[in-house]
């Protein structure tokens, strides 16, 4: 309806402009024709034969005089123009070439004493429309020289008929255009909004079935296509988020099952020994309790890692974001790593670097990298830690990481087949990757740059070497 209304307004304005333009052109042609009318002369070329107080009587006298004198040549100009003279006292005179009288107006006398030529809409005595040219002339009529207003008229009946027919044609074209625009607009609107209907159906389907991942076809590159593309991206992102959530729950359940099963077995053994009255030997009991403590610590670490991973991928307003001295965090993490690897040597070279982030999360990320280095370093090995220009590197001299396993090192719960017998949940590097992304940096893990043994972890964090003011 809006399209039809807009088209109707446009057609109406165009039709009006066309009609007025044609009208002005046609009347301009009539005025140009009147400008070319020859002047009225007195003498052998043109005789004034009738004058009277009013136009009707003067015309009747002219017609009667012309009929009585067959020597007078009628219609020397083919009746294209009708001419009459109006004196200041209101008397009217006609030349022989005139057959119709023009209704005069008091305003016609305004051109007396001037050299102006003006035009006005007028009519004949019989009511026919005409265009009238007015000008002042000095003529001698019946031996008397006086100034007259010369009225030269040309009928515009054909012009008005043409304009009337044009108006009907334009009205018909406008009506057809509005109806056509209505049907066309409806078809175009339904076609253009079809993706919106599909989008609505998809949203209703997801709301009804909770089946995220539903997409709709995208055609073109307009706003509707952009909306469809955005919806498909959102739906796919929701599907991926649900899949990650499902996988996280499944992986967490799998990882929790092993220590819980071991704890249950040990607890059952202790209970059975007490119920049967056959207590375990002190050494066995002490070893069993030590295993249970280790399993509880493993559970505690695993639950902490899961809580860390449950944070959103991007920081929210209100989190503990502040300017953090990364070199101080690295120093504290190295001291904790020394306690966990008492037989290892640490080659540390850190320079001041300040970043904007969560201090606790960054410290945990650095500790996770150092824990990996300690875990895979050979006895008596060396761990190299360097921080220069926002680039923190941690290198061990252990067996390294096979090339085919590098794409998976930051996946949650992924552990190398060769290290499954070592403690850990496979979440440490995932936490490192998430923390670095939240801080706006990058993390990589690969073979040592010099081609030697071991793995090299690199953190690149945005910041500056001096604390901001």
Protein backbone atom coordinates (compact mmCIF):
# COMPACT_ATOMS: atom_id res chain seq x y z
CA UNK A 1 0.00 0.00 0.00
CA UNK A 2 2.84 2.38 0.77
CA UNK A 3 4.44 1.57 -2.57
CA UNK A 4 1.15 2.12 -4.41
CA UNK A 5 0.62 5.41 -2.58
CA UNK A 6 4.12 6.58 -3.41
CA UNK A 7 3.68 5.62 -7.07
CA UNK A 8 0.25 7.32 -7.14
CA UNK A 9 1.75 10.55 -5.83
CA UNK A 10 4.61 10.33 -8.31
CA UNK A 11 2.26 9.65 -11.24
CA UNK A 12 -0.10 12.43 -10.17
CA UNK A 13 2.73 14.94 -9.95
CA UNK A 14 4.14 13.79 -13.30
CA UNK A 15 0.70 13.97 -14.94
CA UNK A 16 0.07 17.47 -13.58
CA UNK A 17 3.51 18.63 -14.69
CA UNK A 18 2.92 17.12 -18.14
CA UNK A 19 -0.51 18.73 -18.47
CA UNK A 20 0.68 22.18 -17.44
CA UNK A 21 3.72 21.91 -19.70
CA UNK A 22 1.59 20.97 -22.71
CA UNK A 23 -0.92 23.72 -21.90
CA UNK A 24 1.81 26.35 -21.71
CA UNK A 25 3.31 25.16 -25.00
CA UNK A 26 -0.03 25.21 -26.82
CA UNK A 27 -0.91 28.68 -25.56
CA UNK A 28 2.59 29.86 -26.42
CA UNK A 29 1.94 28.73 -29.99
CA UNK A 30 -1.33 30.70 -30.04
CA UNK A 31 0.41 33.80 -28.70
CA UNK A 32 3.19 33.44 -31.27
CA UNK A 33 0.52 33.15 -33.96
CA UNK A 34 -1.17 36.34 -32.72
CA UNK A 35 2.15 38.16 -32.73
CA UNK A 36 2.41 37.34 -36.44
CA UNK A 37 -0.99 38.80 -37.29
CA UNK A 38 -0.67 41.66 -39.86
CA UNK A 39 -1.59 45.18 -38.70
CA UNK A 40 -4.96 46.72 -39.52
CA UNK A 41 -4.60 49.35 -42.28
CA UNK A 42 -6.93 52.09 -43.46
CA UNK A 43 -6.90 52.88 -47.14
CA UNK A 44 -7.01 50.79 -50.30
CA UNK A 45 -5.69 47.71 -48.54
CA UNK A 46 -8.28 47.68 -45.76
CA UNK A 47 -11.48 49.68 -45.36
CA UNK A 48 -13.34 50.11 -42.09
CA UNK A 49 -16.93 49.85 -43.01
CA UNK A 50 -18.78 49.67 -39.73
CA UNK A 51 -18.59 51.35 -36.38
CA UNK A 52 -21.17 51.37 -33.61
CA UNK A 53 -21.56 51.85 -29.89
CA UNK A 54 -21.31 48.09 -29.22
CA UNK A 55 -19.64 45.15 -30.85
CA UNK A 56 -22.76 43.24 -31.82
CA UNK A 57 -24.31 46.16 -33.77
CA UNK A 58 -20.99 47.01 -35.42
CA UNK A 59 -20.52 43.41 -36.56
CA UNK A 60 -24.03 43.28 -37.99
CA UNK A 61 -23.38 46.46 -39.96
CA UNK A 62 -20.08 45.08 -41.25
CA UNK A 63 -21.65 41.83 -42.38
CA UNK A 64 -24.54 43.70 -44.08
CA UNK A 65 -22.20 46.11 -45.83
CA UNK A 66 -20.01 43.27 -47.06
CA UNK A 67 -22.98 41.38 -48.45
CA UNK A 68 -24.21 44.49 -50.28
CA UNK A 69 -20.86 45.14 -51.98
CA UNK A 70 -19.68 42.10 -53.98
CA UNK A 71 -16.47 43.89 -54.93
CA UNK A 72 -15.15 43.69 -51.39
CA UNK A 73 -12.74 40.78 -50.95
CA UNK A 74 -13.79 38.82 -47.91
CA UNK A 75 -11.47 36.91 -45.58
CA UNK A 76 -8.16 38.22 -46.90
CA UNK A 77 -6.46 36.31 -44.03
CA UNK A 78 -8.51 33.12 -44.17
CA UNK A 79 -10.38 33.99 -40.97
CA UNK A 80 -7.39 32.84 -38.94
CA UNK A 81 -7.55 35.98 -36.83
CA UNK A 82 -10.50 38.13 -35.84
CA UNK A 83 -9.81 41.85 -35.50
CA UNK A 84 -11.79 44.71 -34.00
CA UNK A 85 -11.02 48.19 -32.77
CA UNK A 86 -12.21 49.68 -29.51
CA UNK A 87 -12.12 53.46 -28.99
CA UNK A 88 -11.72 55.20 -25.67
CA UNK A 89 -15.42 56.14 -25.70
CA UNK A 90 -16.40 52.48 -26.07
CA UNK A 91 -17.32 52.55 -29.77
CA UNK A 92 -16.31 49.50 -31.82
CA UNK A 93 -15.19 49.23 -35.45
CA UNK A 94 -14.70 46.16 -37.62
CA UNK A 95 -12.63 45.52 -40.75
CA UNK A 96 -14.08 43.43 -43.54
CA UNK A 97 -12.06 40.37 -42.68
CA UNK A 98 -13.87 39.91 -39.37
CA UNK A 99 -16.80 37.57 -38.92
CA UNK A 100 -16.95 37.27 -35.11
CA UNK A 101 -17.08 39.92 -32.46
CA UNK A 102 -14.83 39.78 -29.40
CA UNK A 103 -16.11 40.58 -25.94
CA UNK A 104 -14.14 43.61 -24.80
CA UNK A 105 -13.08 44.27 -21.23
CA UNK A 106 -12.56 47.56 -19.42
CA UNK A 107 -8.97 46.52 -18.86
CA UNK A 108 -8.39 46.64 -22.64
CA UNK A 109 -8.28 50.46 -22.50
CA UNK A 110 -5.22 50.30 -20.23
CA UNK A 111 -2.93 49.96 -23.28
CA UNK A 112 -4.03 53.34 -24.77
CA UNK A 113 -1.16 55.76 -24.87
CA UNK A 114 1.45 52.97 -24.56
CA UNK A 115 3.45 50.84 -26.91
CA UNK A 116 2.73 47.66 -24.93
CA UNK A 117 1.35 44.50 -26.45
CA UNK A 118 -0.43 42.27 -23.97
CA UNK A 119 -2.43 39.07 -24.08
CA UNK A 120 -5.47 37.90 -22.14
CA UNK A 121 -7.90 35.02 -22.11
CA UNK A 122 -11.16 36.07 -23.69
CA UNK A 123 -14.16 34.88 -25.64
CA UNK A 124 -16.34 35.77 -28.57
CA UNK A 125 -19.90 37.01 -28.27
CA UNK A 126 -21.10 33.48 -29.05
CA UNK A 127 -19.23 32.19 -25.98
CA UNK A 128 -16.37 30.49 -27.80
CA UNK A 129 -13.01 30.78 -25.97
CA UNK A 130 -10.24 32.82 -27.53
CA UNK A 131 -6.79 34.26 -26.88
CA UNK A 132 -6.79 38.04 -27.33
CA UNK A 133 -3.86 40.32 -28.21
CA UNK A 134 -4.16 43.96 -27.18
CA UNK A 135 -2.19 46.89 -28.57
CA UNK A 136 -2.70 50.63 -29.17
CA UNK A 137 -2.91 51.91 -32.79
CA UNK A 138 -3.53 55.34 -34.35
CA UNK A 139 -5.93 55.09 -37.30
CA UNK A 140 -7.98 57.43 -39.44
CA UNK A 141 -11.52 56.17 -39.70
CA UNK A 142 -14.13 58.11 -41.66
CA UNK A 143 -11.72 61.02 -41.85
CA UNK A 144 -11.18 61.16 -38.11
CA UNK A 145 -7.75 60.21 -36.65
CA UNK A 146 -7.93 58.75 -33.19
CA UNK A 147 -6.25 56.11 -31.05
CA UNK A 148 -7.86 52.71 -30.79
CA UNK A 149 -7.22 49.52 -28.90
CA UNK A 150 -6.68 46.83 -31.50
CA UNK A 151 -8.00 43.42 -30.38
CA UNK A 152 -6.75 40.47 -32.40
CA UNK A 153 -8.28 37.14 -31.34
CA UNK A 154 -7.75 33.50 -32.26
CA UNK A 155 -10.07 30.73 -31.15
CA UNK A 156 -8.66 28.21 -28.69
CA UNK A 157 -11.51 25.71 -28.76
CA UNK A 158 -9.26 23.09 -30.37
CA UNK A 159 -6.57 23.77 -27.77
CA UNK A 160 -8.99 23.27 -24.90
CA UNK A 161 -10.35 20.11 -26.48
CA UNK A 162 -6.83 18.79 -26.83
CA UNK A 163 -6.07 19.63 -23.20
CA UNK A 164 -9.30 17.96 -22.09
CA UNK A 165 -8.45 14.80 -24.03
CA UNK A 166 -4.91 14.88 -22.62
CA UNK A 167 -6.33 15.16 -19.11
CA UNK A 168 -8.49 12.07 -19.66
CA UNK A 169 -5.52 10.17 -21.11
CA UNK A 170 -3.28 11.14 -18.19
CA UNK A 171 -6.02 10.25 -15.72
CA UNK A 172 -6.40 6.81 -17.30
CA UNK A 173 -2.64 6.25 -17.35
CA UNK A 174 -2.42 7.34 -13.70
CA UNK A 175 -5.23 4.98 -12.69
CA UNK A 176 -3.63 2.06 -14.54
CA UNK A 177 -0.24 2.99 -13.05
CA UNK A 178 -1.59 3.09 -9.49
CA UNK A 179 -3.40 -0.25 -9.85
CA UNK A 180 -0.35 -1.78 -11.51
CA UNK A 181 1.91 -0.36 -8.82
CA UNK A 182 -0.36 -1.86 -6.18
CA UNK A 183 -0.20 -5.35 -7.67
CA UNK A 184 3.50 -5.05 -8.49
CA UNK A 185 4.28 -3.67 -5.05
CA UNK A 186 2.46 -6.56 -3.43
CA UNK A 187 4.34 -9.10 -5.54
CA UNK A 188 7.69 -7.37 -4.91
CA UNK A 189 6.98 -7.03 -1.19
CA UNK A 190 6.03 -10.68 -0.83
CA UNK A 191 9.10 -11.72 -2.79
CA UNK A 192 11.40 -9.39 -0.84
CA UNK A 193 9.95 -10.40 2.54
CA UNK A 194 10.02 -14.11 1.80
CA UNK A 195 13.37 -14.46 3.63
CA UNK A 196 11.75 -12.73 6.62
CA UNK A 197 8.96 -15.32 6.58
CA UNK A 198 11.59 -18.05 6.42
CA UNK A 199 13.46 -16.39 9.26
CA UNK A 200 10.27 -16.22 11.31
CA UNK A 201 9.56 -19.90 10.63
CA UNK A 202 13.11 -20.80 11.64
CA UNK A 203 12.89 -18.80 14.88
CA UNK A 204 9.52 -20.34 15.73
CA UNK A 205 10.94 -23.80 14.97
CA UNK A 206 13.90 -23.21 17.28
CA UNK A 207 11.62 -21.85 20.02
CA UNK A 208 9.32 -24.85 19.67
CA UNK A 209 11.91 -27.64 19.34
CA UNK A 210 15.07 -26.01 20.82
CA UNK A 211 16.96 -27.35 17.80
CA UNK A 212 19.64 -24.70 17.34
CA UNK A 213 21.69 -24.70 14.15
CA UNK A 214 18.73 -24.24 11.80
CA UNK A 215 19.66 -21.99 8.85
CA UNK A 216 17.79 -20.37 5.98
CA UNK A 217 18.96 -19.83 2.38
CA UNK A 218 20.58 -16.47 1.62
CA UNK A 219 19.94 -14.81 -1.73
CA UNK A 220 21.41 -11.48 -2.85
CA UNK A 221 23.29 -8.91 -0.80
CA UNK A 222 20.60 -6.52 0.45
CA UNK A 223 19.54 -5.84 4.03
CA UNK A 224 17.32 -8.93 4.14
CA UNK A 225 20.23 -11.07 2.97
CA UNK A 226 22.44 -9.52 5.65
CA UNK A 227 19.78 -10.26 8.26
CA UNK A 228 19.57 -13.86 7.04
CA UNK A 229 23.35 -14.20 7.13
CA UNK A 230 23.47 -12.79 10.66
CA UNK A 231 20.75 -15.18 11.79
CA UNK A 232 22.58 -18.15 10.24
CA UNK A 233 25.79 -17.08 11.99
CA UNK A 234 23.97 -16.72 15.31
CA UNK A 235 22.26 -20.08 14.92
CA UNK A 236 25.53 -21.79 14.00
CA UNK A 237 27.28 -20.11 16.94
CA UNK A 238 24.56 -21.34 19.30
CA UNK A 239 24.93 -24.84 17.89
CA UNK A 240 28.68 -24.75 18.35
CA UNK A 241 28.24 -23.41 21.88
CA UNK A 242 25.84 -26.21 22.75
CA UNK A 243 28.18 -28.79 21.24
CA UNK A 244 31.09 -27.39 23.24
CA UNK A 245 28.97 -27.41 26.36
CA UNK A 246 27.90 -31.00 25.75
CA UNK A 247 31.46 -32.05 25.02
CA UNK A 248 32.73 -30.25 28.11
CA UNK A 249 30.18 -32.01 30.31
CA UNK A 250 30.97 -35.38 28.75
CA UNK A 251 34.73 -34.85 29.03
CA UNK A 252 34.42 -33.56 32.59
CA UNK A 253 32.31 -36.56 33.53
CA UNK A 254 34.88 -38.87 31.99
CA UNK A 255 37.77 -37.17 33.78
CA UNK A 256 35.91 -37.14 37.11
CA UNK A 257 34.98 -40.78 36.84
CA UNK A 258 38.55 -42.07 37.25
CA UNK A 259 39.46 -40.35 40.55
CA UNK A 260 35.98 -40.88 41.93
CA UNK A 261 36.13 -44.59 41.09
CA UNK A 262 39.53 -44.85 42.75
CA UNK A 263 38.28 -42.98 45.81
CA UNK A 264 35.23 -45.22 46.03
CA UNK A 265 37.38 -48.32 45.79
CA UNK A 266 39.72 -47.16 48.54
CA UNK A 267 36.81 -46.10 50.79
CA UNK A 268 35.10 -49.46 50.24
CA UNK A 269 38.33 -51.24 51.16
CA UNK A 270 38.66 -49.27 54.39
CA UNK A 271 35.02 -49.89 55.32
CA UNK A 272 35.25 -53.61 54.56
CA UNK A 273 38.40 -53.95 56.66
CA UNK A 274 36.64 -52.29 59.60
CA UNK A 275 33.43 -54.31 59.14
CA UNK A 276 35.24 -57.63 59.00
CA UNK A 277 37.40 -56.86 62.01
CA UNK A 278 40.57 -57.38 60.03
CA UNK A 279 42.28 -53.98 60.00
CA UNK A 280 44.78 -53.23 57.30
CA UNK A 281 48.47 -53.17 58.13
CA UNK A 282 49.61 -49.68 59.16
CA UNK A 283 51.84 -49.33 56.09
CA UNK A 284 49.07 -50.36 53.71
CA UNK A 285 46.57 -48.10 55.45
CA UNK A 286 48.96 -45.16 55.35
CA UNK A 287 49.62 -45.74 51.65
CA UNK A 288 45.89 -46.02 50.98
CA UNK A 289 45.19 -42.74 52.75
CA UNK A 290 48.02 -41.07 50.84
CA UNK A 291 46.47 -42.21 47.56
CA UNK A 292 43.10 -40.87 48.63
CA UNK A 293 44.65 -37.51 49.49
CA UNK A 294 46.36 -37.37 46.09
CA UNK A 295 43.09 -38.21 44.37
CA UNK A 296 41.30 -35.50 46.35
CA UNK A 297 43.95 -33.00 45.30
CA UNK A 298 43.51 -34.10 41.69
CA UNK A 299 39.75 -33.60 42.01
CA UNK A 300 40.28 -30.17 43.55
CA UNK A 301 42.56 -29.12 40.70
CA UNK A 302 40.15 -30.50 38.10
CA UNK A 303 37.17 -28.66 39.61
CA UNK A 304 39.21 -25.45 39.74
CA UNK A 305 40.11 -25.84 36.09
CA UNK A 306 36.46 -26.41 35.18
CA UNK A 307 35.44 -23.28 37.08
CA UNK A 308 38.11 -21.34 35.23
CA UNK A 309 36.85 -22.60 31.87
CA UNK A 310 33.25 -21.80 32.78
CA UNK A 311 34.00 -18.09 32.51
CA UNK A 312 32.75 -16.37 29.30
CA UNK A 313 35.14 -16.14 26.40
CA UNK A 314 35.19 -12.33 26.60
CA UNK A 315 35.56 -10.29 29.80
CA UNK A 316 32.45 -8.63 31.17
CA UNK A 317 32.26 -5.20 32.79
CA UNK A 318 33.03 -5.49 36.46
CA UNK A 319 35.70 -8.19 36.20
CA UNK A 320 38.98 -7.61 38.01
CA UNK A 321 40.71 -5.85 35.13
CA UNK A 322 43.57 -3.57 36.01
CA UNK A 323 47.10 -2.64 34.99
CA UNK A 324 49.23 -5.68 35.80
CA UNK A 325 53.02 -5.98 36.01
CA UNK A 326 53.61 -9.10 33.92
CA UNK A 327 57.25 -9.34 34.94
CA UNK A 328 56.24 -9.58 38.60
CA UNK A 329 53.69 -12.28 37.78
CA UNK A 330 56.36 -14.22 35.90
CA UNK A 331 58.72 -13.91 38.88
CA UNK A 332 56.13 -15.26 41.33
CA UNK A 333 55.23 -18.09 38.96
CA UNK A 334 58.89 -19.09 38.62
CA UNK A 335 59.25 -19.24 42.41
CA UNK A 336 56.26 -21.58 42.64
CA UNK A 337 57.64 -23.68 39.80
CA UNK A 338 60.96 -24.05 41.64
CA UNK A 339 59.06 -25.69 44.51
CA UNK A 340 57.39 -28.12 42.13
CA UNK A 341 60.63 -28.99 40.34
CA UNK A 342 63.34 -28.89 42.99
CA UNK A 343 65.87 -30.69 40.82
CA UNK A 344 65.51 -28.33 37.84
CA UNK A 345 67.45 -25.21 36.97
CA UNK A 346 65.59 -22.06 35.89
CA UNK A 347 67.24 -19.57 33.52
CA UNK A 348 65.16 -16.43 33.99
CA UNK A 349 65.47 -13.17 32.06
CA UNK A 350 62.48 -10.83 32.44
CA UNK A 351 62.12 -7.15 31.63
CA UNK A 352 59.36 -4.83 32.82
CA UNK A 353 56.09 -5.08 30.91
CA UNK A 354 52.66 -3.82 31.97
CA UNK A 355 49.41 -5.16 30.56
CA UNK A 356 45.70 -4.55 31.18
CA UNK A 357 44.03 -7.73 32.40
CA UNK A 358 43.06 -10.00 35.26
CA UNK A 359 46.10 -10.51 37.51
CA UNK A 360 44.92 -13.82 39.01
CA UNK A 361 44.04 -15.30 35.61
CA UNK A 362 47.34 -14.23 34.06
CA UNK A 363 49.32 -15.70 36.96
CA UNK A 364 47.47 -18.98 36.63
CA UNK A 365 48.18 -19.05 32.89
CA UNK A 366 51.90 -18.52 33.41
CA UNK A 367 51.96 -21.15 36.18
CA UNK A 368 50.24 -23.64 33.85
CA UNK A 369 52.94 -23.11 31.23
CA UNK A 370 55.67 -23.57 33.85
CA UNK A 371 53.93 -26.68 35.23
CA UNK A 372 54.01 -28.23 31.76
CA UNK A 373 57.68 -27.36 31.42
CA UNK A 374 58.44 -28.88 34.83
CA UNK A 375 56.38 -31.98 34.07
CA UNK A 376 58.17 -32.78 30.79
CA UNK A 377 61.70 -31.66 31.73
CA UNK A 378 64.23 -34.45 32.32
CA UNK A 379 65.81 -34.74 35.79
CA UNK A 380 68.41 -32.03 36.25
CA UNK A 381 67.14 -30.21 33.16
CA UNK A 382 66.79 -26.48 32.58
CA UNK A 383 63.69 -24.37 32.04
CA UNK A 384 64.26 -21.09 30.16
CA UNK A 385 61.94 -18.20 30.97
CA UNK A 386 62.26 -14.86 29.12
CA UNK A 387 60.09 -11.72 28.93
CA UNK A 388 61.03 -9.01 26.46
CA UNK A 389 58.73 -6.46 24.80
CA UNK A 390 55.55 -8.23 25.85
CA UNK A 391 56.78 -11.59 24.54
CA UNK A 392 56.95 -14.23 27.27
CA UNK A 393 58.64 -17.53 26.33
CA UNK A 394 58.89 -20.74 28.36
CA UNK A 395 61.10 -23.51 27.04
CA UNK A 396 61.84 -26.94 28.43
CA UNK A 397 64.40 -29.51 27.24
CA UNK A 398 62.13 -32.52 27.33
CA UNK A 399 60.90 -34.81 24.54
CA UNK A 400 58.93 -32.04 22.80
CA UNK A 401 55.58 -32.32 21.04
CA UNK A 402 55.08 -34.40 17.88
CA UNK A 403 54.18 -32.33 14.85
CA UNK A 404 50.88 -34.10 14.29
CA UNK A 405 49.73 -33.26 17.86
CA UNK A 406 50.38 -29.51 17.71
CA UNK A 407 46.88 -28.58 16.34
CA UNK A 408 45.22 -30.13 19.42
CA UNK A 409 47.36 -28.88 22.30
CA UNK A 410 44.91 -26.10 23.26
CA UNK A 411 41.78 -28.26 23.06
CA UNK A 412 39.97 -28.96 26.31
CA UNK A 413 40.76 -32.33 27.93
CA UNK A 414 43.15 -33.24 25.13
CA UNK A 415 46.22 -35.13 26.30
CA UNK A 416 49.01 -36.60 24.29
CA UNK A 417 48.89 -40.42 24.17
CA UNK A 418 52.47 -40.49 25.43
CA UNK A 419 51.60 -38.47 28.56
CA UNK A 420 48.37 -40.05 29.69
CA UNK A 421 50.19 -41.80 32.54
CA UNK A 422 51.29 -38.43 33.92
CA UNK A 423 49.03 -36.43 36.26
CA UNK A 424 46.85 -33.72 34.77
CA UNK A 425 43.41 -33.14 33.28
CA UNK A 426 44.26 -31.69 29.88
CA UNK A 427 42.76 -28.32 30.79
CA UNK A 428 45.88 -26.30 31.59
CA UNK A 429 46.68 -25.13 28.07
CA UNK A 430 42.99 -24.46 27.38
CA UNK A 431 42.96 -22.10 30.36
CA UNK A 432 46.13 -20.43 29.06
CA UNK A 433 44.59 -19.90 25.62
CA UNK A 434 41.35 -18.47 27.04
CA UNK A 435 43.18 -16.10 29.41
CA UNK A 436 45.45 -14.81 26.65
CA UNK A 437 42.46 -14.25 24.33
CA UNK A 438 40.67 -12.32 27.08
CA UNK A 439 43.74 -10.09 27.44
CA UNK A 440 43.92 -9.47 23.70
CA UNK A 441 47.09 -11.45 23.07
CA UNK A 442 48.23 -14.59 21.28
CA UNK A 443 49.70 -17.89 22.46
CA UNK A 444 51.59 -20.54 20.51
CA UNK A 445 53.24 -23.82 21.38
CA UNK A 446 55.70 -25.61 19.19
CA UNK A 447 59.21 -27.01 18.88
CA UNK A 448 62.22 -25.07 20.11
CA UNK A 449 63.38 -22.33 17.77
CA UNK A 450 67.00 -23.56 17.68
CA UNK A 451 65.95 -27.05 16.62
CA UNK A 452 67.06 -28.56 19.92
CA UNK A 453 65.02 -30.79 22.22
CA UNK A 454 62.01 -29.55 24.10
CA UNK A 455 58.97 -27.38 23.47
CA UNK A 456 58.68 -23.61 23.30
CA UNK A 457 55.54 -21.80 24.55
CA UNK A 458 55.16 -18.14 23.53
CA UNK A 459 52.76 -15.53 24.92
CA UNK A 460 52.45 -12.17 23.14
CA UNK A 461 50.48 -9.65 25.23
CA UNK A 462 49.77 -6.00 24.36
CA UNK A 463 51.11 -3.46 26.81
CA UNK A 464 54.01 -1.12 27.48
CA UNK A 465 57.34 -1.22 29.33
CA UNK A 466 56.36 1.53 31.77
CA UNK A 467 53.26 1.80 33.94
CA UNK A 468 50.62 4.10 32.44
CA UNK A 469 50.07 7.41 34.16
